[in-house]
Amino acid sequence: MKASWVPREHGAWGMIGGAFLSVVAVHGRMSLPMILFLIGFLLLYFTRVPFQQLFRGKRVASTVVPIGVFGGSGWLCIGWAALEAHFLSFPLYVTLLIPFFLVELLFIRWRRPNHFMPQLVGTIGLSGIAALTDGLVHGTMTFHALFLWGVNALFFIAGITIVRQQIAARTHYASGLWYLRALRWGTIVYVAIGGILVKNPSPLWQMTWWVLLPVMVEVAIFSTNRFFVTNLKTLGWLQIAQTLLFVGLLRGFALFFT
């Protein structure tokens, strides 16, 4: 039986792992501060469900104790990572992700936990793991870190939009049309950017375009509204495969340009 404080959203675990591995792929190594931060973040993530229960009005030991234990342990690991990386202000940067997860709690308070907005904002927040991990490599926050945050956010937003569109299509929700339009506009913008890059080549942006190509091909396919995945587990495995391909392409470009 799974513990009540373990988050059940499999996609979120993939985002955490994918964002972290994207930085490992770019730099080709994994350091002690990076590992400590990952452990610390995972411990903090274990407080997510207890906080949700608190916002639903369930103030019992099963909610308060995990927040104290996992929260305290998580911040200790993050502090240790900061010391090892000689980046003492690092914990302050970690706190910048808190507002992204407060949005989800507010939607729970408003009794709209399944709204797309908290999932979108939460996805952007989890993608920030890439920026924080990269910051530990450099010992400071840089444009490179923010760039990796943006690339990861675009990749994972494409994935969650596909999943939401497929779920809406299965249940005949009216919101399915909105997701379908988002996929189509995403495809158009992506192709347009590709056309601009042909005339104005930039290695950094060309790399971004190519590493996003597989997931954008998936976006384009599902935007036709002719393909439906009957088993959501299959769709989940497809997104895992896309994440591994995304990380692999980042590693390939890192080797090519260095």
C-alpha atoms as a PDB file:
ATOM      1  CA  MET A   1       0.000   0.000   0.000  1.00  0.00           C
ATOM      2  CA  LYS A   2       1.437   3.376  -1.036  1.00  0.00           C
ATOM      3  CA  ALA A   3       2.034   5.937   1.720  1.00  0.00           C
ATOM      4  CA  SER A   4      -0.556   8.730   1.776  1.00  0.00           C
ATOM      5  CA  TRP A   5       2.123  11.426   1.458  1.00  0.00           C
ATOM      6  CA  VAL A   6       3.611  10.077  -1.800  1.00  0.00           C
ATOM      7  CA  PRO A   7       2.538  12.196  -4.826  1.00  0.00           C
ATOM      8  CA  ARG A   8       0.704  10.012  -7.323  1.00  0.00           C
ATOM      9  CA  GLU A   9       1.266  12.116 -10.449  1.00  0.00           C
ATOM     10  CA  HIS A  10       3.687  10.034 -12.513  1.00  0.00           C
ATOM     11  CA  GLY A  11       4.227  12.865 -14.978  1.00  0.00           C
ATOM     12  CA  ALA A  12       5.646  15.089 -12.244  1.00  0.00           C
ATOM     13  CA  TRP A  13       8.259  12.465 -11.353  1.00  0.00           C
ATOM     14  CA  GLY A  14       9.255  12.351 -15.009  1.00  0.00           C
ATOM     15  CA  MET A  15       9.621  16.138 -15.070  1.00  0.00           C
ATOM     16  CA  ILE A  16      11.834  16.128 -11.984  1.00  0.00           C
ATOM     17  CA  GLY A  17      14.060  13.401 -13.405  1.00  0.00           C
ATOM     18  CA  GLY A  18      14.070  14.842 -16.901  1.00  0.00           C
ATOM     19  CA  ALA A  19      14.939  18.393 -15.824  1.00  0.00           C
ATOM     20  CA  PHE A  20      17.770  17.096 -13.620  1.00  0.00           C
ATOM     21  CA  LEU A  21      19.159  14.754 -16.295  1.00  0.00           C
ATOM     22  CA  SER A  22      19.035  17.497 -18.912  1.00  0.00           C
ATOM     23  CA  VAL A  23      21.712  19.377 -16.952  1.00  0.00           C
ATOM     24  CA  VAL A  24      23.738  16.188 -16.466  1.00  0.00           C
ATOM     25  CA  ALA A  25      23.548  15.688 -20.241  1.00  0.00           C
ATOM     26  CA  VAL A  26      24.687  19.239 -21.016  1.00  0.00           C
ATOM     27  CA  HIS A  27      27.669  19.120 -18.653  1.00  0.00           C
ATOM     28  CA  GLY A  28      28.458  15.425 -18.976  1.00  0.00           C
ATOM     29  CA  ARG A  29      28.907  14.885 -15.262  1.00  0.00           C
ATOM     30  CA  MET A  30      27.106  14.588 -11.954  1.00  0.00           C
ATOM     31  CA  SER A  31      28.546  16.191  -8.813  1.00  0.00           C
ATOM     32  CA  LEU A  32      27.840  15.796  -5.097  1.00  0.00           C
ATOM     33  CA  PRO A  33      26.033  19.183  -4.851  1.00  0.00           C
ATOM     34  CA  MET A  34      23.770  18.161  -7.737  1.00  0.00           C
ATOM     35  CA  ILE A  35      22.899  14.848  -6.070  1.00  0.00           C
ATOM     36  CA  LEU A  36      22.297  16.522  -2.699  1.00  0.00           C
ATOM     37  CA  PHE A  37      19.991  19.054  -4.323  1.00  0.00           C
ATOM     38  CA  LEU A  38      18.023  16.310  -6.100  1.00  0.00           C
ATOM     39  CA  ILE A  39      17.586  14.412  -2.822  1.00  0.00           C
ATOM     40  CA  GLY A  40      16.625  17.612  -1.038  1.00  0.00           C
ATOM     41  CA  PHE A  41      14.087  18.573  -3.686  1.00  0.00           C
ATOM     42  CA  LEU A  42      12.523  15.108  -3.655  1.00  0.00           C
ATOM     43  CA  LEU A  43      12.165  15.326   0.126  1.00  0.00           C
ATOM     44  CA  LEU A  44      10.487  18.714  -0.232  1.00  0.00           C
ATOM     45  CA  TYR A  45       8.237  17.277  -2.929  1.00  0.00           C
ATOM     46  CA  PHE A  46       7.023  14.691  -0.429  1.00  0.00           C
ATOM     47  CA  THR A  47       5.424  17.588   1.470  1.00  0.00           C
ATOM     48  CA  ARG A  48       3.203  18.390  -1.509  1.00  0.00           C
ATOM     49  CA  VAL A  49       0.354  16.003  -0.652  1.00  0.00           C
ATOM     50  CA  PRO A  50       0.346  16.919   3.082  1.00  0.00           C
ATOM     51  CA  PHE A  51       0.139  20.618   2.128  1.00  0.00           C
ATOM     52  CA  GLN A  52      -2.759  19.810  -0.193  1.00  0.00           C
ATOM     53  CA  GLN A  53      -4.523  18.071   2.677  1.00  0.00           C
ATOM     54  CA  LEU A  54      -3.936  21.074   4.913  1.00  0.00           C
ATOM     55  CA  PHE A  55      -5.525  23.341   2.315  1.00  0.00           C
ATOM     56  CA  ARG A  56      -8.485  20.970   2.288  1.00  0.00           C
ATOM     57  CA  GLY A  57      -8.816  21.479   6.040  1.00  0.00           C
ATOM     58  CA  LYS A  58      -7.302  18.160   7.213  1.00  0.00           C
ATOM     59  CA  ARG A  59      -5.035  19.192  10.094  1.00  0.00           C
ATOM     60  CA  VAL A  60      -3.977  15.839  11.532  1.00  0.00           C
ATOM     61  CA  ALA A  61      -0.676  14.188  12.452  1.00  0.00           C
ATOM     62  CA  SER A  62      -0.531  12.432   9.060  1.00  0.00           C
ATOM     63  CA  THR A  63      -0.253  15.833   7.387  1.00  0.00           C
ATOM     64  CA  VAL A  64       1.807  17.864   9.862  1.00  0.00           C
ATOM     65  CA  VAL A  65       4.497  15.254  10.642  1.00  0.00           C
ATOM     66  CA  PRO A  66       5.544  14.617   6.993  1.00  0.00           C
ATOM     67  CA  ILE A  67       5.795  18.373   6.405  1.00  0.00           C
ATOM     68  CA  GLY A  68       8.140  18.746   9.376  1.00  0.00           C
ATOM     69  CA  VAL A  69      10.234  15.635   8.722  1.00  0.00           C
ATOM     70  CA  PHE A  70      10.546  15.826   4.938  1.00  0.00           C
ATOM     71  CA  GLY A  71      10.614  19.607   4.813  1.00  0.00           C
ATOM     72  CA  GLY A  72      13.367  19.893   7.425  1.00  0.00           C
ATOM     73  CA  SER A  73      15.437  17.100   5.870  1.00  0.00           C
ATOM     74  CA  GLY A  74      15.000  18.565   2.395  1.00  0.00           C
ATOM     75  CA  TRP A  75      16.255  22.005   3.399  1.00  0.00           C
ATOM     76  CA  LEU A  76      19.217  20.449   5.194  1.00  0.00           C
ATOM     77  CA  CYS A  77      20.236  18.657   1.991  1.00  0.00           C
ATOM     78  CA  ILE A  78      19.790  21.848  -0.020  1.00  0.00           C
ATOM     79  CA  GLY A  79      21.916  23.769   2.480  1.00  0.00           C
ATOM     80  CA  TRP A  80      24.584  21.069   2.285  1.00  0.00           C
ATOM     81  CA  ALA A  81      24.519  21.294  -1.519  1.00  0.00           C
ATOM     82  CA  ALA A  82      25.028  25.061  -1.287  1.00  0.00           C
ATOM     83  CA  LEU A  83      28.062  24.594   0.971  1.00  0.00           C
ATOM     84  CA  GLU A  84      29.606  21.956  -1.286  1.00  0.00           C
ATOM     85  CA  ALA A  85      29.118  24.164  -4.371  1.00  0.00           C
ATOM     86  CA  HIS A  86      30.341  27.317  -2.554  1.00  0.00           C
ATOM     87  CA  PHE A  87      27.028  28.902  -3.577  1.00  0.00           C
ATOM     88  CA  LEU A  88      25.693  30.154  -0.248  1.00  0.00           C
ATOM     89  CA  SER A  89      22.740  32.050  -1.706  1.00  0.00           C
ATOM     90  CA  PHE A  90      21.496  28.902  -3.463  1.00  0.00           C
ATOM     91  CA  PRO A  91      18.674  28.155  -0.951  1.00  0.00           C
ATOM     92  CA  LEU A  92      17.237  31.609  -1.666  1.00  0.00           C
ATOM     93  CA  TYR A  93      16.972  30.725  -5.348  1.00  0.00           C
ATOM     94  CA  VAL A  94      15.192  27.488  -4.424  1.00  0.00           C
ATOM     95  CA  THR A  95      12.539  29.508  -2.575  1.00  0.00           C
ATOM     96  CA  LEU A  96      11.722  31.277  -5.856  1.00  0.00           C
ATOM     97  CA  LEU A  97       9.949  28.081  -6.941  1.00  0.00           C
ATOM     98  CA  ILE A  98       7.523  28.226  -4.007  1.00  0.00           C
ATOM     99  CA  PRO A  99       5.023  30.616  -5.703  1.00  0.00           C
ATOM    100  CA  PHE A 100       4.633  28.166  -8.593  1.00  0.00           C
ATOM    101  CA  PHE A 101       3.342  25.516  -6.188  1.00  0.00           C
ATOM    102  CA  LEU A 102       1.248  27.955  -4.179  1.00  0.00           C
ATOM    103  CA  VAL A 103      -0.877  28.412  -7.311  1.00  0.00           C
ATOM    104  CA  GLU A 104      -1.848  24.734  -7.138  1.00  0.00           C
ATOM    105  CA  LEU A 105      -2.785  25.069  -3.464  1.00  0.00           C
ATOM    106  CA  LEU A 106      -4.939  28.106  -4.235  1.00  0.00           C
ATOM    107  CA  PHE A 107      -6.846  26.174  -6.893  1.00  0.00           C
ATOM    108  CA  ILE A 108      -7.416  23.404  -4.345  1.00  0.00           C
ATOM    109  CA  ARG A 109      -8.794  26.007  -1.950  1.00  0.00           C
ATOM    110  CA  TRP A 110     -11.065  27.203  -4.764  1.00  0.00           C
ATOM    111  CA  ARG A 111     -12.166  23.577  -5.336  1.00  0.00           C
ATOM    112  CA  ARG A 112     -10.740  23.491  -8.862  1.00  0.00           C
ATOM    113  CA  PRO A 113      -7.772  21.100  -8.471  1.00  0.00           C
ATOM    114  CA  ASN A 114      -8.051  19.671 -12.002  1.00  0.00           C
ATOM    115  CA  HIS A 115      -7.897  23.020 -13.783  1.00  0.00           C
ATOM    116  CA  PHE A 116      -5.174  23.296 -16.437  1.00  0.00           C
ATOM    117  CA  MET A 117      -3.695  26.485 -14.981  1.00  0.00           C
ATOM    118  CA  PRO A 118      -2.174  24.950 -11.807  1.00  0.00           C
ATOM    119  CA  GLN A 119      -0.753  22.085 -13.885  1.00  0.00           C
ATOM    120  CA  LEU A 120       0.755  24.565 -16.336  1.00  0.00           C
ATOM    121  CA  VAL A 121       2.282  26.741 -13.609  1.00  0.00           C
ATOM    122  CA  GLY A 122       3.454  23.668 -11.688  1.00  0.00           C
ATOM    123  CA  THR A 123       5.141  22.332 -14.830  1.00  0.00           C
ATOM    124  CA  ILE A 124       7.041  25.596 -15.254  1.00  0.00           C
ATOM    125  CA  GLY A 125       8.043  25.384 -11.592  1.00  0.00           C
ATOM    126  CA  LEU A 126       9.316  21.815 -11.830  1.00  0.00           C
ATOM    127  CA  SER A 127      11.268  22.755 -14.956  1.00  0.00           C
ATOM    128  CA  GLY A 128      13.131  25.219 -12.738  1.00  0.00           C
ATOM    129  CA  ILE A 129      15.027  22.232 -11.341  1.00  0.00           C
ATOM    130  CA  ALA A 130      17.162  22.485 -14.488  1.00  0.00           C
ATOM    131  CA  ALA A 131      18.128  26.102 -13.725  1.00  0.00           C
ATOM    132  CA  LEU A 132      18.903  25.346 -10.082  1.00  0.00           C
ATOM    133  CA  THR A 133      20.981  22.283 -10.927  1.00  0.00           C
ATOM    134  CA  ASP A 134      22.895  24.246 -13.550  1.00  0.00           C
ATOM    135  CA  GLY A 135      23.465  26.999 -10.990  1.00  0.00           C
ATOM    136  CA  LEU A 136      25.228  24.498  -8.737  1.00  0.00           C
ATOM    137  CA  VAL A 137      27.568  23.594 -11.591  1.00  0.00           C
ATOM    138  CA  HIS A 138      28.589  27.216 -12.134  1.00  0.00           C
ATOM    139  CA  GLY A 139      28.366  28.313  -8.507  1.00  0.00           C
ATOM    140  CA  THR A 140      25.994  31.109  -9.504  1.00  0.00           C
ATOM    141  CA  MET A 141      22.834  31.691 -11.511  1.00  0.00           C
ATOM    142  CA  THR A 142      23.557  32.507 -15.158  1.00  0.00           C
ATOM    143  CA  PHE A 143      21.708  33.113 -18.419  1.00  0.00           C
ATOM    144  CA  HIS A 144      22.632  29.525 -19.325  1.00  0.00           C
ATOM    145  CA  ALA A 145      20.656  28.285 -16.305  1.00  0.00           C
ATOM    146  CA  LEU A 146      17.598  30.342 -17.247  1.00  0.00           C
ATOM    147  CA  PHE A 147      17.907  29.136 -20.838  1.00  0.00           C
ATOM    148  CA  LEU A 148      17.812  25.494 -19.720  1.00  0.00           C
ATOM    149  CA  TRP A 149      14.769  26.302 -17.578  1.00  0.00           C
ATOM    150  CA  GLY A 150      13.002  27.708 -20.630  1.00  0.00           C
ATOM    151  CA  VAL A 151      13.858  24.765 -22.896  1.00  0.00           C
ATOM    152  CA  ASN A 152      12.686  22.253 -20.292  1.00  0.00           C
ATOM    153  CA  ALA A 153       9.491  24.214 -19.684  1.00  0.00           C
ATOM    154  CA  LEU A 154       8.635  24.261 -23.403  1.00  0.00           C
ATOM    155  CA  PHE A 155       9.312  20.521 -23.689  1.00  0.00           C
ATOM    156  CA  PHE A 156       7.185  19.520 -20.698  1.00  0.00           C
ATOM    157  CA  ILE A 157       4.359  21.953 -21.512  1.00  0.00           C
ATOM    158  CA  ALA A 158       4.081  20.297 -24.939  1.00  0.00           C
ATOM    159  CA  GLY A 159       3.810  16.921 -23.220  1.00  0.00           C
ATOM    160  CA  ILE A 160       1.117  17.873 -20.698  1.00  0.00           C
ATOM    161  CA  THR A 161      -0.944  19.583 -23.398  1.00  0.00           C
ATOM    162  CA  ILE A 162      -0.929  16.380 -25.445  1.00  0.00           C
ATOM    163  CA  VAL A 163      -2.003  14.355 -22.416  1.00  0.00           C
ATOM    164  CA  ARG A 164      -4.790  16.800 -21.507  1.00  0.00           C
ATOM    165  CA  GLN A 165      -6.048  16.813 -25.093  1.00  0.00           C
ATOM    166  CA  GLN A 166      -6.156  13.017 -25.194  1.00  0.00           C
ATOM    167  CA  ILE A 167      -7.982  12.800 -21.858  1.00  0.00           C
ATOM    168  CA  ALA A 168     -10.494  15.431 -22.994  1.00  0.00           C
ATOM    169  CA  ALA A 169     -11.023  13.577 -26.288  1.00  0.00           C
ATOM    170  CA  ARG A 170     -11.732  10.319 -24.425  1.00  0.00           C
ATOM    171  CA  THR A 171     -14.297  11.953 -22.140  1.00  0.00           C
ATOM    172  CA  HIS A 172     -15.749  14.352 -24.753  1.00  0.00           C
ATOM    173  CA  TYR A 173     -14.991  17.406 -22.625  1.00  0.00           C
ATOM    174  CA  ALA A 174     -15.513  20.722 -24.400  1.00  0.00           C
ATOM    175  CA  SER A 175     -12.014  21.743 -23.259  1.00  0.00           C
ATOM    176  CA  GLY A 176     -10.619  19.249 -25.769  1.00  0.00           C
ATOM    177  CA  LEU A 177     -11.140  21.822 -28.523  1.00  0.00           C
ATOM    178  CA  TRP A 178      -9.057  24.368 -26.586  1.00  0.00           C
ATOM    179  CA  TYR A 179      -6.179  21.892 -26.187  1.00  0.00           C
ATOM    180  CA  LEU A 180      -6.436  20.989 -29.859  1.00  0.00           C
ATOM    181  CA  ARG A 181      -6.084  24.647 -30.819  1.00  0.00           C
ATOM    182  CA  ALA A 182      -3.108  25.005 -28.493  1.00  0.00           C
ATOM    183  CA  LEU A 183      -1.392  22.054 -30.211  1.00  0.00           C
ATOM    184  CA  ARG A 184      -2.077  23.519 -33.644  1.00  0.00           C
ATOM    185  CA  TRP A 185      -0.833  26.984 -32.744  1.00  0.00           C
ATOM    186  CA  GLY A 186       2.241  25.440 -31.118  1.00  0.00           C
ATOM    187  CA  THR A 187       3.010  23.612 -34.361  1.00  0.00           C
ATOM    188  CA  ILE A 188       2.578  26.768 -36.450  1.00  0.00           C
ATOM    189  CA  VAL A 189       4.817  28.847 -34.179  1.00  0.00           C
ATOM    190  CA  TYR A 190       7.470  26.115 -34.081  1.00  0.00           C
ATOM    191  CA  VAL A 191       7.574  25.837 -37.895  1.00  0.00           C
ATOM    192  CA  ALA A 192       7.690  29.637 -38.213  1.00  0.00           C
ATOM    193  CA  ILE A 193      10.643  29.837 -35.835  1.00  0.00           C
ATOM    194  CA  GLY A 194      12.385  27.159 -37.889  1.00  0.00           C
ATOM    195  CA  GLY A 195      11.957  29.301 -40.990  1.00  0.00           C
ATOM    196  CA  ILE A 196      13.450  32.318 -39.221  1.00  0.00           C
ATOM    197  CA  LEU A 197      16.459  30.286 -38.069  1.00  0.00           C
ATOM    198  CA  VAL A 198      17.228  29.252 -41.654  1.00  0.00           C
ATOM    199  CA  LYS A 199      17.838  32.916 -42.541  1.00  0.00           C
ATOM    200  CA  ASN A 200      19.309  33.967 -39.193  1.00  0.00           C
ATOM    201  CA  PRO A 201      21.249  30.968 -37.841  1.00  0.00           C
ATOM    202  CA  SER A 202      22.162  30.999 -34.167  1.00  0.00           C
ATOM    203  CA  PRO A 203      23.834  27.882 -32.692  1.00  0.00           C
ATOM    204  CA  LEU A 204      22.024  28.219 -29.376  1.00  0.00           C
ATOM    205  CA  TRP A 205      18.562  28.638 -30.856  1.00  0.00           C
ATOM    206  CA  GLN A 206      19.187  26.031 -33.552  1.00  0.00           C
ATOM    207  CA  MET A 207      20.065  23.551 -30.812  1.00  0.00           C
ATOM    208  CA  THR A 208      16.822  24.440 -29.042  1.00  0.00           C
ATOM    209  CA  TRP A 209      14.823  23.900 -32.224  1.00  0.00           C
ATOM    210  CA  TRP A 210      16.378  20.494 -32.884  1.00  0.00           C
ATOM    211  CA  VAL A 211      16.105  19.119 -29.327  1.00  0.00           C
ATOM    212  CA  LEU A 212      12.414  20.043 -29.344  1.00  0.00           C
ATOM    213  CA  LEU A 213      11.817  18.508 -32.787  1.00  0.00           C
ATOM    214  CA  PRO A 214      10.687  14.997 -31.627  1.00  0.00           C
ATOM    215  CA  VAL A 215       8.110  16.291 -29.151  1.00  0.00           C
ATOM    216  CA  MET A 216       6.901  18.892 -31.664  1.00  0.00           C
ATOM    217  CA  VAL A 217       6.431  16.160 -34.266  1.00  0.00           C
ATOM    218  CA  GLU A 218       4.242  14.432 -31.669  1.00  0.00           C
ATOM    219  CA  VAL A 219       2.394  17.715 -31.101  1.00  0.00           C
ATOM    220  CA  ALA A 220       1.813  18.071 -34.855  1.00  0.00           C
ATOM    221  CA  ILE A 221       0.507  14.489 -35.142  1.00  0.00           C
ATOM    222  CA  PHE A 222      -1.981  14.869 -32.297  1.00  0.00           C
ATOM    223  CA  SER A 223      -3.029  18.318 -33.545  1.00  0.00           C
ATOM    224  CA  THR A 224      -4.619  16.614 -36.582  1.00  0.00           C
ATOM    225  CA  ASN A 225      -7.203  15.111 -34.200  1.00  0.00           C
ATOM    226  CA  ARG A 226      -6.966  11.800 -36.050  1.00  0.00           C
ATOM    227  CA  PHE A 227      -4.961   9.813 -33.516  1.00  0.00           C
ATOM    228  CA  PHE A 228      -6.211   8.667 -30.122  1.00  0.00           C
ATOM    229  CA  VAL A 229      -4.334   6.617 -27.545  1.00  0.00           C
ATOM    230  CA  THR A 230      -6.857   4.341 -25.876  1.00  0.00           C
ATOM    231  CA  ASN A 231      -4.515   3.340 -23.039  1.00  0.00           C
ATOM    232  CA  LEU A 232      -3.229   6.258 -20.980  1.00  0.00           C
ATOM    233  CA  LYS A 233      -0.308   4.127 -19.764  1.00  0.00           C
ATOM    234  CA  THR A 234       0.839   3.882 -23.368  1.00  0.00           C
ATOM    235  CA  LEU A 235       0.698   7.666 -23.582  1.00  0.00           C
ATOM    236  CA  GLY A 236       2.737   7.872 -20.391  1.00  0.00           C
ATOM    237  CA  TRP A 237       5.418   5.570 -21.777  1.00  0.00           C
ATOM    238  CA  LEU A 238       5.480   7.656 -24.946  1.00  0.00           C
ATOM    239  CA  GLN A 239       6.242  10.761 -22.875  1.00  0.00           C
ATOM    240  CA  ILE A 240       8.996   8.889 -21.010  1.00  0.00           C
ATOM    241  CA  ALA A 241      10.538   7.905 -24.343  1.00  0.00           C
ATOM    242  CA  GLN A 242      10.318  11.527 -25.471  1.00  0.00           C
ATOM    243  CA  THR A 243      12.072  12.662 -22.280  1.00  0.00           C
ATOM    244  CA  LEU A 244      14.927  10.197 -22.796  1.00  0.00           C
ATOM    245  CA  LEU A 245      15.256  11.331 -26.413  1.00  0.00           C
ATOM    246  CA  PHE A 246      15.237  14.976 -25.285  1.00  0.00           C
ATOM    247  CA  VAL A 247      18.045  14.293 -22.796  1.00  0.00           C
ATOM    248  CA  GLY A 248      19.973  12.285 -25.393  1.00  0.00           C
ATOM    249  CA  LEU A 249      19.760  15.080 -27.959  1.00  0.00           C
ATOM    250  CA  LEU A 250      20.980  17.609 -25.391  1.00  0.00           C
ATOM    251  CA  ARG A 251      23.967  15.352 -24.697  1.00  0.00           C
ATOM    252  CA  GLY A 252      24.651  14.980 -28.386  1.00  0.00           C
ATOM    253  CA  PHE A 253      24.626  18.733 -29.014  1.00  0.00           C
ATOM    254  CA  ALA A 254      26.809  19.308 -25.923  1.00  0.00           C
ATOM    255  CA  LEU A 255      29.406  16.931 -27.325  1.00  0.00           C
ATOM    256  CA  PHE A 256      29.181  18.489 -30.773  1.00  0.00           C
ATOM    257  CA  PHE A 257      29.571  22.109 -29.671  1.00  0.00           C
ATOM    258  CA  THR A 258      32.302  21.518 -27.034  1.00  0.00           C
END
